[in-house]
C-alpha atoms as a PDB file:
ATOM      1  CA  MET A   1       0.015   0.229  -0.084  1.00  0.00           C
ATOM      2  CA  GLN A   2       1.417   3.521  -0.717  1.00  0.00           C
ATOM      3  CA  GLN A   3       1.558   5.759   1.943  1.00  0.00           C
ATOM      4  CA  ARG A   4       0.805   9.299   0.739  1.00  0.00           C
ATOM      5  CA  ASN A   5       2.755  12.506   1.571  1.00  0.00           C
ATOM      6  CA  VAL A   6       0.299  15.102   2.857  1.00  0.00           C
ATOM      7  CA  GLU A   7       3.116  17.276   4.779  1.00  0.00           C
ATOM      8  CA  GLY A   8       2.665  19.725   2.086  1.00  0.00           C
ATOM      9  CA  ILE A   9      -1.275  20.045   2.444  1.00  0.00           C
ATOM     10  CA  ARG A  10      -0.977  20.456   5.983  1.00  0.00           C
ATOM     11  CA  LYS A  11       1.751  23.004   6.026  1.00  0.00           C
ATOM     12  CA  PHE A  12      -0.744  25.218   3.469  1.00  0.00           C
ATOM     13  CA  SER A  13      -3.509  24.431   6.028  1.00  0.00           C
ATOM     14  CA  LYS A  14      -1.633  26.055   9.187  1.00  0.00           C
ATOM     15  CA  LEU A  15      -0.387  28.733   6.584  1.00  0.00           C
ATOM     16  CA  LYS A  16      -4.254  29.769   5.200  1.00  0.00           C
ATOM     17  CA  SER A  17      -5.348  29.363   8.865  1.00  0.00           C
ATOM     18  CA  SER A  18      -2.782  31.821  10.253  1.00  0.00           C
ATOM     19  CA  THR A  19      -3.722  33.972   7.354  1.00  0.00           C
ATOM     20  CA  ALA A  20      -7.370  34.119   8.470  1.00  0.00           C
ATOM     21  CA  THR A  21      -6.263  34.647  12.180  1.00  0.00           C
ATOM     22  CA  ARG A  22      -4.231  37.551  11.263  1.00  0.00           C
ATOM     23  CA  LYS A  23      -7.076  38.898   8.911  1.00  0.00           C
ATOM     24  CA  ALA A  24      -9.632  38.786  11.940  1.00  0.00           C
ATOM     25  CA  GLU A  25      -7.468  40.370  14.365  1.00  0.00           C
ATOM     26  CA  GLN A  26      -6.722  43.236  12.228  1.00  0.00           C
ATOM     27  CA  ALA A  27     -10.644  43.427  11.418  1.00  0.00           C
ATOM     28  CA  ILE A  28     -11.376  43.693  14.957  1.00  0.00           C
ATOM     29  CA  GLU A  29      -8.797  46.538  15.337  1.00  0.00           C
ATOM     30  CA  ARG A  30     -10.281  48.243  12.565  1.00  0.00           C
ATOM     31  CA  LEU A  31     -13.711  47.925  14.061  1.00  0.00           C
ATOM     32  CA  LEU A  32     -12.633  49.328  17.295  1.00  0.00           C
ATOM     33  CA  ASN A  33     -10.665  51.924  16.226  1.00  0.00           C
ATOM     34  CA  ARG A  34     -14.009  53.582  13.888  1.00  0.00           C
ATOM     35  CA  ASP A  35     -15.918  52.814  16.915  1.00  0.00           C
ATOM     36  CA  MET A  36     -18.162  50.057  15.489  1.00  0.00           C
ATOM     37  CA  LYS A  37     -19.976  47.130  17.051  1.00  0.00           C
ATOM     38  CA  VAL A  38     -17.866  44.043  17.447  1.00  0.00           C
ATOM     39  CA  ASN A  39     -19.487  40.699  16.962  1.00  0.00           C
ATOM     40  CA  PHE A  40     -19.067  37.432  14.695  1.00  0.00           C
ATOM     41  CA  ASN A  41     -21.337  38.960  11.776  1.00  0.00           C
ATOM     42  CA  THR A  42     -19.014  42.247  11.687  1.00  0.00           C
ATOM     43  CA  VAL A  43     -15.699  40.459  11.871  1.00  0.00           C
ATOM     44  CA  SER A  44     -16.287  38.308   9.206  1.00  0.00           C
ATOM     45  CA  LEU A  45     -17.339  40.905   6.579  1.00  0.00           C
ATOM     46  CA  GLU A  46     -14.534  43.360   7.730  1.00  0.00           C
ATOM     47  CA  ALA A  47     -12.042  40.383   7.528  1.00  0.00           C
ATOM     48  CA  GLY A  48     -13.435  38.268   4.924  1.00  0.00           C
ATOM     49  CA  VAL A  49     -13.587  35.067   6.736  1.00  0.00           C
ATOM     50  CA  SER A  50     -16.197  33.000   7.723  1.00  0.00           C
ATOM     51  CA  LYS A  51     -18.233  32.871  10.570  1.00  0.00           C
ATOM     52  CA  PRO A  52     -17.473  29.258  11.257  1.00  0.00           C
ATOM     53  CA  PHE A  53     -14.043  29.626  11.219  1.00  0.00           C
ATOM     54  CA  LEU A  54     -14.327  32.444  13.893  1.00  0.00           C
ATOM     55  CA  TYR A  55     -16.441  30.100  15.895  1.00  0.00           C
ATOM     56  CA  THR A  56     -13.831  27.552  15.973  1.00  0.00           C
ATOM     57  CA  GLN A  57     -10.831  29.491  17.133  1.00  0.00           C
ATOM     58  CA  PRO A  58     -11.091  29.562  20.655  1.00  0.00           C
ATOM     59  CA  GLU A  59      -9.046  32.903  21.023  1.00  0.00           C
ATOM     60  CA  LEU A  60     -10.700  34.706  18.296  1.00  0.00           C
ATOM     61  CA  ARG A  61     -14.210  33.261  19.683  1.00  0.00           C
ATOM     62  CA  SER A  62     -13.776  34.721  23.277  1.00  0.00           C
ATOM     63  CA  ARG A  63     -12.419  38.016  22.399  1.00  0.00           C
ATOM     64  CA  ILE A  64     -15.510  38.802  19.899  1.00  0.00           C
ATOM     65  CA  GLU A  65     -17.855  37.245  22.777  1.00  0.00           C
ATOM     66  CA  GLU A  66     -16.321  39.587  25.130  1.00  0.00           C
ATOM     67  CA  LEU A  67     -15.984  42.576  22.545  1.00  0.00           C
ATOM     68  CA  ARG A  68     -19.487  42.142  21.413  1.00  0.00           C
ATOM     69  CA  GLU A  69     -20.613  42.453  25.192  1.00  0.00           C
ATOM     70  CA  ARG A  70     -19.063  45.857  25.438  1.00  0.00           C
ATOM     71  CA  THR A  71     -19.665  47.328  22.248  1.00  0.00           C
ATOM     72  CA  GLU A  72     -23.382  46.414  22.464  1.00  0.00           C
ATOM     73  CA  ARG A  73     -23.647  48.588  25.436  1.00  0.00           C
ATOM     74  CA  TRP A  74     -21.978  51.240  23.467  1.00  0.00           C
ATOM     75  CA  GLY A  75     -25.443  51.755  21.607  1.00  0.00           C
ATOM     76  CA  GLU A  76     -27.031  52.650  25.538  1.00  0.00           C
ATOM     77  CA  LEU A  77     -24.621  55.210  25.676  1.00  0.00           C
ATOM     78  CA  GLU A  78     -24.353  56.226  21.918  1.00  0.00           C
ATOM     79  CA  PRO A  79     -25.486  59.801  22.387  1.00  0.00           C
ATOM     80  CA  GLU A  80     -22.874  61.031  25.357  1.00  0.00           C
ATOM     81  CA  ARG A  81     -20.465  58.435  23.934  1.00  0.00           C
ATOM     82  CA  SER A  82     -20.388  59.973  20.314  1.00  0.00           C
ATOM     83  CA  HIS A  83     -20.541  63.574  21.496  1.00  0.00           C
ATOM     84  CA  LEU A  84     -17.543  62.914  23.926  1.00  0.00           C
ATOM     85  CA  HIS A  85     -15.631  60.775  20.721  1.00  0.00           C
ATOM     86  CA  LEU A  86     -16.109  63.509  18.460  1.00  0.00           C
ATOM     87  CA  LEU A  87     -14.621  66.163  20.842  1.00  0.00           C
ATOM     88  CA  GLU A  88     -11.753  63.696  21.693  1.00  0.00           C
ATOM     89  CA  ARG A  89     -11.016  63.333  17.914  1.00  0.00           C
ATOM     90  CA  GLU A  90     -11.472  67.111  17.513  1.00  0.00           C
ATOM     91  CA  ASN A  91      -9.096  67.626  20.683  1.00  0.00           C
ATOM     92  CA  GLU A  92      -6.320  64.981  18.879  1.00  0.00           C
ATOM     93  CA  LYS A  93      -6.240  67.159  15.976  1.00  0.00           C
ATOM     94  CA  LEU A  94      -5.543  70.412  17.330  1.00  0.00           C
ATOM     95  CA  LYS A  95      -2.925  68.990  19.442  1.00  0.00           C
ATOM     96  CA  GLN A  96      -1.034  67.488  16.023  1.00  0.00           C
ATOM     97  CA  LYS A  97      -1.791  70.780  14.583  1.00  0.00           C
ATOM     98  CA  ILE A  98      -0.383  72.801  17.554  1.00  0.00           C
ATOM     99  CA  SER A  99       2.932  70.557  17.187  1.00  0.00           C
ATOM    100  CA  LYS A 100       3.347  70.905  13.495  1.00  0.00           C
ATOM    101  CA  LEU A 101       2.971  74.467  14.091  1.00  0.00           C
ATOM    102  CA  GLU A 102       5.600  74.321  16.915  1.00  0.00           C
ATOM    103  CA  GLN A 103       7.663  72.514  14.589  1.00  0.00           C
ATOM    104  CA  MET A 104       7.852  75.193  12.002  1.00  0.00           C
ATOM    105  CA  ILE A 105       7.983  77.827  14.605  1.00  0.00           C
ATOM    106  CA  GLN A 106      11.594  75.999  15.392  1.00  0.00           C
ATOM    107  CA  ILE A 107      12.730  75.840  11.920  1.00  0.00           C
ATOM    108  CA  MET A 108      12.195  79.312  11.220  1.00  0.00           C
ATOM    109  CA  ARG A 109      13.909  80.280  14.252  1.00  0.00           C
ATOM    110  CA  ASN A 110      16.537  77.793  13.173  1.00  0.00           C
ATOM    111  CA  ALA A 111      17.040  79.632   9.549  1.00  0.00           C
END
């Protein structure tokens, strides 16, 4: 009986799984950065991976479940939270502008 060499298939499967995991983790970060709800549907769509894959990965599953609970509560706080978030973003942009202007002033003083 001939023994099959499946090592290449195993390596490809591991590579495919690690790539999908990385895509899911990056998708979660993007969703959080945009203050969007994190759940299996949103992560699946954002990452381009299947929901069954997300459910079968214990670490991803627990992270998504935890974030789902946290981000679902954002809806309850949305009016206050969204206003606060807008102010925080505006504040951060202003800080960056001030920093750039200070750098420009320093360059002009040294010229």
